[in-house]
Amino acid sequence: MIKTLWVTRERRGISLIEVLIALSILGGVLLGMGHFSVLFARTITEAGTRSTASDLVADRIEAVKTNGRYDNLETTFNGTENAVAGFPRFTRRTLIQRIGGAASDSVDYKVVTVTVTAPRLSSPVKKSTVISNF
């Protein structure tokens, strides 16, 4: 009778293939996290810029509302500011359109539209309001 003696060794550590698989998984996770970090930083930057643009729009609309001179709103506010004071990279455009206002018209109001753009904004911030003479 022939006896076969199997020698069993205890495994100590991990094999090269296991190391390569673990490194591949770790590399994929790190690449995904890097991509997420870039997108997150870009989104945060745009959100801050959009918030500033929204404040600039609201500021201009409030200035038009509190002007007190209904007749000269167009001459005072219509136009484009290429460098808003304190915010050099922002451009603010104010457009005021009068609806009606003639003696034969039954309505007389003005539509105020303010648009702010900036290089880091994907789309401009735009708000409108209606003002009438009391």
N, C-alpha and C. Protein backbone atom coordinates (compact mmCIF):
# COMPACT_ATOMS: atom_id res chain seq x y z
N MET A 1 0.81 -1.13 0.00
CA MET A 1 0.00 0.00 0.00
C MET A 1 0.89 1.24 0.00
N ILE A 2 0.54 2.12 -0.89
CA ILE A 2 1.34 3.33 -1.03
C ILE A 2 0.60 4.46 -0.32
N LYS A 3 1.32 5.11 0.50
CA LYS A 3 0.74 6.24 1.20
C LYS A 3 1.25 7.53 0.58
N THR A 4 0.31 8.39 0.35
CA THR A 4 0.70 9.69 -0.17
C THR A 4 0.60 10.67 0.98
N LEU A 5 1.65 11.39 1.12
CA LEU A 5 1.69 12.34 2.21
C LEU A 5 1.53 13.75 1.62
N TRP A 6 0.46 14.33 1.94
CA TRP A 6 0.21 15.70 1.47
C TRP A 6 0.66 16.66 2.55
N VAL A 7 1.48 17.54 2.11
CA VAL A 7 1.96 18.53 3.07
C VAL A 7 1.11 19.79 2.89
N THR A 8 0.49 20.20 3.92
CA THR A 8 -0.31 21.42 3.83
C THR A 8 0.45 22.54 4.52
N ARG A 9 0.48 23.63 3.80
CA ARG A 9 1.12 24.81 4.37
C ARG A 9 0.06 25.81 4.75
N GLU A 10 0.32 26.53 5.78
CA GLU A 10 -0.58 27.61 6.14
C GLU A 10 -0.33 28.78 5.23
N ARG A 11 -1.39 29.43 4.85
CA ARG A 11 -1.24 30.62 4.02
C ARG A 11 -0.91 31.79 4.91
N ARG A 12 0.13 32.51 4.51
CA ARG A 12 0.50 33.72 5.23
C ARG A 12 0.51 34.86 4.22
N GLY A 13 -0.41 35.85 4.41
CA GLY A 13 -0.44 36.97 3.49
C GLY A 13 -1.40 36.72 2.34
N ILE A 14 -1.28 37.57 1.34
CA ILE A 14 -2.16 37.46 0.17
C ILE A 14 -1.31 37.29 -1.08
N SER A 15 -1.94 36.75 -2.10
CA SER A 15 -1.20 36.48 -3.33
C SER A 15 -1.10 37.75 -4.18
N LEU A 16 -0.28 37.69 -5.19
CA LEU A 16 -0.07 38.83 -6.08
C LEU A 16 -1.36 39.19 -6.83
N ILE A 17 -2.11 38.20 -7.23
CA ILE A 17 -3.36 38.45 -7.95
C ILE A 17 -4.35 39.18 -7.05
N GLU A 18 -4.43 38.78 -5.80
CA GLU A 18 -5.33 39.47 -4.87
C GLU A 18 -4.92 40.92 -4.66
N VAL A 19 -3.63 41.17 -4.60
CA VAL A 19 -3.13 42.53 -4.46
C VAL A 19 -3.50 43.36 -5.68
N LEU A 20 -3.34 42.81 -6.88
CA LEU A 20 -3.67 43.53 -8.10
C LEU A 20 -5.17 43.84 -8.18
N ILE A 21 -6.00 42.90 -7.79
CA ILE A 21 -7.44 43.13 -7.81
C ILE A 21 -7.82 44.23 -6.81
N ALA A 22 -7.24 44.17 -5.62
CA ALA A 22 -7.53 45.19 -4.60
C ALA A 22 -7.07 46.57 -5.07
N LEU A 23 -5.91 46.65 -5.70
CA LEU A 23 -5.41 47.93 -6.22
C LEU A 23 -6.29 48.46 -7.35
N SER A 24 -6.79 47.56 -8.17
CA SER A 24 -7.69 47.99 -9.26
C SER A 24 -8.99 48.56 -8.70
N ILE A 25 -9.55 47.91 -7.71
CA ILE A 25 -10.78 48.41 -7.09
C ILE A 25 -10.52 49.75 -6.42
N LEU A 26 -9.43 49.85 -5.68
CA LEU A 26 -9.08 51.10 -5.00
C LEU A 26 -8.85 52.23 -6.01
N GLY A 27 -8.18 51.93 -7.11
CA GLY A 27 -7.94 52.94 -8.15
C GLY A 27 -9.23 53.43 -8.75
N GLY A 28 -10.16 52.53 -9.03
CA GLY A 28 -11.46 52.93 -9.57
C GLY A 28 -12.24 53.81 -8.60
N VAL A 29 -12.20 53.46 -7.33
CA VAL A 29 -12.89 54.27 -6.32
C VAL A 29 -12.25 55.66 -6.23
N LEU A 30 -10.93 55.74 -6.24
CA LEU A 30 -10.25 57.02 -6.15
C LEU A 30 -10.52 57.89 -7.37
N LEU A 31 -10.56 57.30 -8.55
CA LEU A 31 -10.90 58.06 -9.76
C LEU A 31 -12.33 58.60 -9.69
N GLY A 32 -13.24 57.79 -9.23
CA GLY A 32 -14.62 58.23 -9.07
C GLY A 32 -14.74 59.36 -8.06
N MET A 33 -14.03 59.26 -6.96
CA MET A 33 -14.06 60.32 -5.95
C MET A 33 -13.43 61.61 -6.48
N GLY A 34 -12.37 61.49 -7.26
CA GLY A 34 -11.74 62.66 -7.85
C GLY A 34 -12.70 63.38 -8.80
N HIS A 35 -13.39 62.61 -9.63
CA HIS A 35 -14.37 63.19 -10.56
C HIS A 35 -15.50 63.87 -9.79
N PHE A 36 -15.99 63.21 -8.75
CA PHE A 36 -17.04 63.79 -7.92
C PHE A 36 -16.56 65.10 -7.28
N SER A 37 -15.34 65.13 -6.78
CA SER A 37 -14.81 66.34 -6.14
C SER A 37 -14.74 67.51 -7.12
N VAL A 38 -14.33 67.25 -8.35
CA VAL A 38 -14.26 68.30 -9.36
C VAL A 38 -15.66 68.84 -9.66
N LEU A 39 -16.62 67.96 -9.86
CA LEU A 39 -17.99 68.39 -10.14
C LEU A 39 -18.59 69.14 -8.96
N PHE A 40 -18.31 68.69 -7.75
CA PHE A 40 -18.83 69.34 -6.55
C PHE A 40 -18.26 70.75 -6.41
N ALA A 41 -16.96 70.90 -6.63
CA ALA A 41 -16.33 72.23 -6.53
C ALA A 41 -16.89 73.17 -7.60
N ARG A 42 -17.09 72.67 -8.80
CA ARG A 42 -17.65 73.49 -9.88
C ARG A 42 -19.08 73.93 -9.55
N THR A 43 -19.86 73.03 -8.99
CA THR A 43 -21.24 73.34 -8.63
C THR A 43 -21.30 74.38 -7.50
N ILE A 44 -20.43 74.23 -6.52
CA ILE A 44 -20.39 75.19 -5.41
C ILE A 44 -20.00 76.57 -5.92
N THR A 45 -19.02 76.63 -6.82
CA THR A 45 -18.59 77.91 -7.37
C THR A 45 -19.72 78.57 -8.15
N GLU A 46 -20.41 77.81 -8.98
CA GLU A 46 -21.51 78.38 -9.75
C GLU A 46 -22.66 78.82 -8.85
N ALA A 47 -22.92 78.07 -7.78
CA ALA A 47 -24.00 78.45 -6.86
C ALA A 47 -23.69 79.78 -6.19
N GLY A 48 -22.44 79.99 -5.80
CA GLY A 48 -22.06 81.27 -5.20
C GLY A 48 -22.18 82.41 -6.19
N THR A 49 -21.75 82.17 -7.43
CA THR A 49 -21.85 83.20 -8.46
C THR A 49 -23.30 83.50 -8.79
N ARG A 50 -24.14 82.46 -8.85
CA ARG A 50 -25.57 82.64 -9.13
C ARG A 50 -26.24 83.42 -7.99
N SER A 51 -25.84 83.18 -6.76
CA SER A 51 -26.39 83.90 -5.62
C SER A 51 -26.04 85.39 -5.70
N THR A 52 -24.78 85.68 -6.04
CA THR A 52 -24.36 87.08 -6.19
C THR A 52 -25.14 87.75 -7.32
N ALA A 53 -25.30 87.04 -8.44
CA ALA A 53 -26.05 87.59 -9.57
C ALA A 53 -27.50 87.85 -9.18
N SER A 54 -28.09 86.96 -8.43
CA SER A 54 -29.47 87.15 -7.98
C SER A 54 -29.58 88.37 -7.07
N ASP A 55 -28.60 88.58 -6.22
CA ASP A 55 -28.59 89.78 -5.36
C ASP A 55 -28.47 91.06 -6.20
N LEU A 56 -27.65 91.02 -7.25
CA LEU A 56 -27.50 92.19 -8.11
C LEU A 56 -28.79 92.50 -8.87
N VAL A 57 -29.50 91.47 -9.28
CA VAL A 57 -30.80 91.66 -9.94
C VAL A 57 -31.80 92.28 -8.97
N ALA A 58 -31.89 91.73 -7.78
CA ALA A 58 -32.83 92.24 -6.78
C ALA A 58 -32.50 93.68 -6.40
N ASP A 59 -31.21 93.99 -6.30
CA ASP A 59 -30.78 95.34 -5.97
C ASP A 59 -31.24 96.34 -7.02
N ARG A 60 -31.09 95.99 -8.30
CA ARG A 60 -31.50 96.90 -9.38
C ARG A 60 -33.01 97.06 -9.41
N ILE A 61 -33.75 95.98 -9.23
CA ILE A 61 -35.22 96.07 -9.23
C ILE A 61 -35.70 96.96 -8.09
N GLU A 62 -35.09 96.82 -6.92
CA GLU A 62 -35.46 97.67 -5.79
C GLU A 62 -35.12 99.14 -6.06
N ALA A 63 -33.99 99.38 -6.71
CA ALA A 63 -33.63 100.76 -7.05
C ALA A 63 -34.64 101.37 -8.00
N VAL A 64 -35.12 100.60 -8.96
CA VAL A 64 -36.13 101.10 -9.91
C VAL A 64 -37.44 101.35 -9.17
N LYS A 65 -37.84 100.44 -8.30
CA LYS A 65 -39.11 100.59 -7.57
C LYS A 65 -39.11 101.81 -6.66
N THR A 66 -37.98 102.08 -6.03
CA THR A 66 -37.93 103.18 -5.05
C THR A 66 -37.49 104.50 -5.67
N ASN A 67 -37.39 104.58 -6.99
CA ASN A 67 -36.93 105.79 -7.65
C ASN A 67 -37.85 106.96 -7.39
N GLY A 68 -39.13 106.74 -7.44
CA GLY A 68 -40.08 107.83 -7.18
C GLY A 68 -40.45 108.66 -8.40
N ARG A 69 -39.75 108.54 -9.48
CA ARG A 69 -40.03 109.31 -10.70
C ARG A 69 -40.44 108.34 -11.81
N TYR A 70 -41.71 108.12 -11.95
CA TYR A 70 -42.23 107.15 -12.92
C TYR A 70 -41.92 107.57 -14.35
N ASP A 71 -41.96 108.85 -14.65
CA ASP A 71 -41.81 109.33 -16.03
C ASP A 71 -40.41 109.13 -16.60
N ASN A 72 -39.38 109.17 -15.78
CA ASN A 72 -38.03 109.08 -16.34
C ASN A 72 -37.31 107.78 -15.98
N LEU A 73 -38.03 106.72 -15.68
CA LEU A 73 -37.39 105.44 -15.36
C LEU A 73 -36.53 104.93 -16.52
N GLU A 74 -37.05 105.06 -17.75
CA GLU A 74 -36.31 104.55 -18.91
C GLU A 74 -34.98 105.28 -19.08
N THR A 75 -34.99 106.59 -18.97
CA THR A 75 -33.75 107.34 -19.18
C THR A 75 -32.77 107.13 -18.03
N THR A 76 -33.26 106.86 -16.85
CA THR A 76 -32.38 106.67 -15.69
C THR A 76 -31.78 105.27 -15.65
N PHE A 77 -32.56 104.25 -15.96
CA PHE A 77 -32.11 102.88 -15.70
C PHE A 77 -31.86 102.02 -16.94
N ASN A 78 -32.48 102.33 -18.10
CA ASN A 78 -32.26 101.49 -19.27
C ASN A 78 -30.78 101.46 -19.64
N GLY A 79 -30.27 100.28 -19.96
CA GLY A 79 -28.89 100.19 -20.41
C GLY A 79 -28.17 99.00 -19.82
N THR A 80 -26.89 98.92 -20.16
CA THR A 80 -26.04 97.81 -19.72
C THR A 80 -24.86 98.33 -18.93
N GLU A 81 -24.63 97.73 -17.78
CA GLU A 81 -23.45 98.02 -16.98
C GLU A 81 -22.45 96.90 -17.21
N ASN A 82 -21.35 97.19 -17.89
CA ASN A 82 -20.37 96.15 -18.19
C ASN A 82 -19.51 95.78 -16.99
N ALA A 83 -19.34 96.68 -16.07
CA ALA A 83 -18.63 96.38 -14.83
C ALA A 83 -19.45 96.95 -13.68
N VAL A 84 -20.20 96.10 -13.01
CA VAL A 84 -21.03 96.53 -11.90
C VAL A 84 -20.10 96.93 -10.75
N ALA A 85 -20.39 98.05 -10.10
CA ALA A 85 -19.53 98.56 -9.02
C ALA A 85 -19.33 97.50 -7.94
N GLY A 86 -18.08 97.14 -7.70
CA GLY A 86 -17.75 96.12 -6.71
C GLY A 86 -17.77 94.70 -7.23
N PHE A 87 -18.27 94.50 -8.44
CA PHE A 87 -18.37 93.17 -9.04
C PHE A 87 -17.92 93.25 -10.49
N PRO A 88 -16.62 93.32 -10.73
CA PRO A 88 -16.12 93.63 -12.08
C PRO A 88 -16.41 92.55 -13.13
N ARG A 89 -16.61 91.31 -12.75
CA ARG A 89 -16.83 90.27 -13.76
C ARG A 89 -18.30 90.10 -14.14
N PHE A 90 -19.18 90.87 -13.51
CA PHE A 90 -20.62 90.76 -13.77
C PHE A 90 -21.07 91.85 -14.73
N THR A 91 -22.04 91.50 -15.57
CA THR A 91 -22.66 92.46 -16.48
C THR A 91 -24.15 92.49 -16.16
N ARG A 92 -24.69 93.69 -15.98
CA ARG A 92 -26.11 93.83 -15.63
C ARG A 92 -26.80 94.66 -16.70
N ARG A 93 -27.89 94.12 -17.25
CA ARG A 93 -28.65 94.80 -18.29
C ARG A 93 -30.06 95.05 -17.78
N THR A 94 -30.49 96.30 -17.86
CA THR A 94 -31.83 96.69 -17.42
C THR A 94 -32.62 97.16 -18.63
N LEU A 95 -33.81 96.59 -18.80
CA LEU A 95 -34.68 96.96 -19.90
C LEU A 95 -36.05 97.32 -19.33
N ILE A 96 -36.50 98.53 -19.61
CA ILE A 96 -37.81 98.99 -19.14
C ILE A 96 -38.67 99.29 -20.36
N GLN A 97 -39.82 98.63 -20.45
CA GLN A 97 -40.74 98.81 -21.56
C GLN A 97 -42.07 99.36 -21.03
N ARG A 98 -42.53 100.42 -21.62
CA ARG A 98 -43.81 101.01 -21.22
C ARG A 98 -44.93 100.38 -22.03
N ILE A 99 -45.96 99.98 -21.34
CA ILE A 99 -47.14 99.41 -21.97
C ILE A 99 -48.28 100.41 -21.80
N GLY A 100 -48.82 100.87 -22.90
CA GLY A 100 -49.90 101.84 -22.86
C GLY A 100 -49.35 103.23 -22.54
N GLY A 101 -50.12 104.00 -21.80
CA GLY A 101 -49.66 105.31 -21.37
C GLY A 101 -50.16 106.47 -22.21
N ALA A 102 -50.72 106.21 -23.37
CA ALA A 102 -51.27 107.29 -24.20
C ALA A 102 -52.64 107.68 -23.65
N ALA A 103 -53.10 108.83 -24.06
CA ALA A 103 -54.40 109.33 -23.57
C ALA A 103 -55.54 108.38 -23.91
N SER A 104 -55.45 107.69 -25.03
CA SER A 104 -56.53 106.80 -25.45
C SER A 104 -56.41 105.39 -24.86
N ASP A 105 -55.29 105.09 -24.18
CA ASP A 105 -55.08 103.74 -23.61
C ASP A 105 -55.77 103.59 -22.26
N SER A 106 -56.20 102.38 -22.00
CA SER A 106 -56.83 102.11 -20.70
C SER A 106 -55.82 101.60 -19.67
N VAL A 107 -54.59 101.32 -20.12
CA VAL A 107 -53.56 100.82 -19.20
C VAL A 107 -52.31 101.70 -19.30
N ASP A 108 -51.56 101.71 -18.22
CA ASP A 108 -50.28 102.42 -18.20
C ASP A 108 -49.40 101.77 -17.14
N TYR A 109 -48.49 100.94 -17.59
CA TYR A 109 -47.54 100.31 -16.66
C TYR A 109 -46.23 100.05 -17.39
N LYS A 110 -45.20 99.72 -16.61
CA LYS A 110 -43.88 99.45 -17.18
C LYS A 110 -43.40 98.09 -16.71
N VAL A 111 -42.83 97.35 -17.65
CA VAL A 111 -42.24 96.05 -17.34
C VAL A 111 -40.74 96.24 -17.22
N VAL A 112 -40.21 95.94 -16.04
CA VAL A 112 -38.78 96.08 -15.77
C VAL A 112 -38.17 94.69 -15.78
N THR A 113 -37.18 94.48 -16.68
CA THR A 113 -36.49 93.20 -16.77
C THR A 113 -35.01 93.45 -16.54
N VAL A 114 -34.45 92.73 -15.57
CA VAL A 114 -33.03 92.85 -15.25
C VAL A 114 -32.38 91.50 -15.49
N THR A 115 -31.27 91.51 -16.26
CA THR A 115 -30.52 90.30 -16.58
C THR A 115 -29.07 90.49 -16.15
N VAL A 116 -28.54 89.52 -15.39
CA VAL A 116 -27.14 89.57 -14.97
C VAL A 116 -26.43 88.35 -15.52
N THR A 117 -25.27 88.60 -16.13
CA THR A 117 -24.43 87.52 -16.66
C THR A 117 -23.05 87.60 -16.02
N ALA A 118 -22.37 86.48 -16.02
CA ALA A 118 -21.00 86.39 -15.51
C ALA A 118 -20.32 85.23 -16.23
N PRO A 119 -18.99 85.25 -16.31
CA PRO A 119 -18.28 84.19 -17.03
C PRO A 119 -18.52 82.79 -16.46
N ARG A 120 -18.73 82.65 -15.17
CA ARG A 120 -18.88 81.33 -14.57
C ARG A 120 -20.32 80.85 -14.47
N LEU A 121 -21.25 81.60 -15.03
CA LEU A 121 -22.65 81.18 -15.00
C LEU A 121 -23.00 80.42 -16.27
N SER A 122 -23.67 79.30 -16.12
CA SER A 122 -24.06 78.53 -17.30
C SER A 122 -25.23 79.20 -18.02
N SER A 123 -26.06 79.92 -17.29
CA SER A 123 -27.16 80.69 -17.89
C SER A 123 -27.34 81.97 -17.08
N PRO A 124 -27.80 83.05 -17.74
CA PRO A 124 -27.95 84.32 -17.01
C PRO A 124 -29.07 84.26 -15.99
N VAL A 125 -28.98 85.14 -14.99
CA VAL A 125 -30.04 85.29 -14.00
C VAL A 125 -30.92 86.44 -14.48
N LYS A 126 -32.23 86.17 -14.60
CA LYS A 126 -33.14 87.15 -15.19
C LYS A 126 -34.42 87.21 -14.37
N LYS A 127 -34.82 88.43 -14.01
CA LYS A 127 -36.07 88.63 -13.27
C LYS A 127 -36.80 89.83 -13.85
N SER A 128 -38.13 89.78 -13.77
CA SER A 128 -38.97 90.87 -14.26
C SER A 128 -39.98 91.26 -13.21
N THR A 129 -40.41 92.51 -13.29
CA THR A 129 -41.49 92.99 -12.41
C THR A 129 -42.27 94.05 -13.17
N VAL A 130 -43.44 94.34 -12.68
CA VAL A 130 -44.31 95.34 -13.31
C VAL A 130 -44.48 96.51 -12.33
N ILE A 131 -44.33 97.73 -12.85
CA ILE A 131 -44.48 98.93 -12.05
C ILE A 131 -45.52 99.82 -12.72
N SER A 132 -46.41 100.40 -11.91
CA SER A 132 -47.37 101.34 -12.48
C SER A 132 -47.35 102.62 -11.66
N ASN A 133 -47.86 103.67 -12.26
CA ASN A 133 -47.91 104.98 -11.63
C ASN A 133 -49.15 105.07 -10.75
N PHE A 134 -48.98 105.56 -9.55
CA PHE A 134 -50.12 105.70 -8.65
C PHE A 134 -50.60 107.11 -8.62
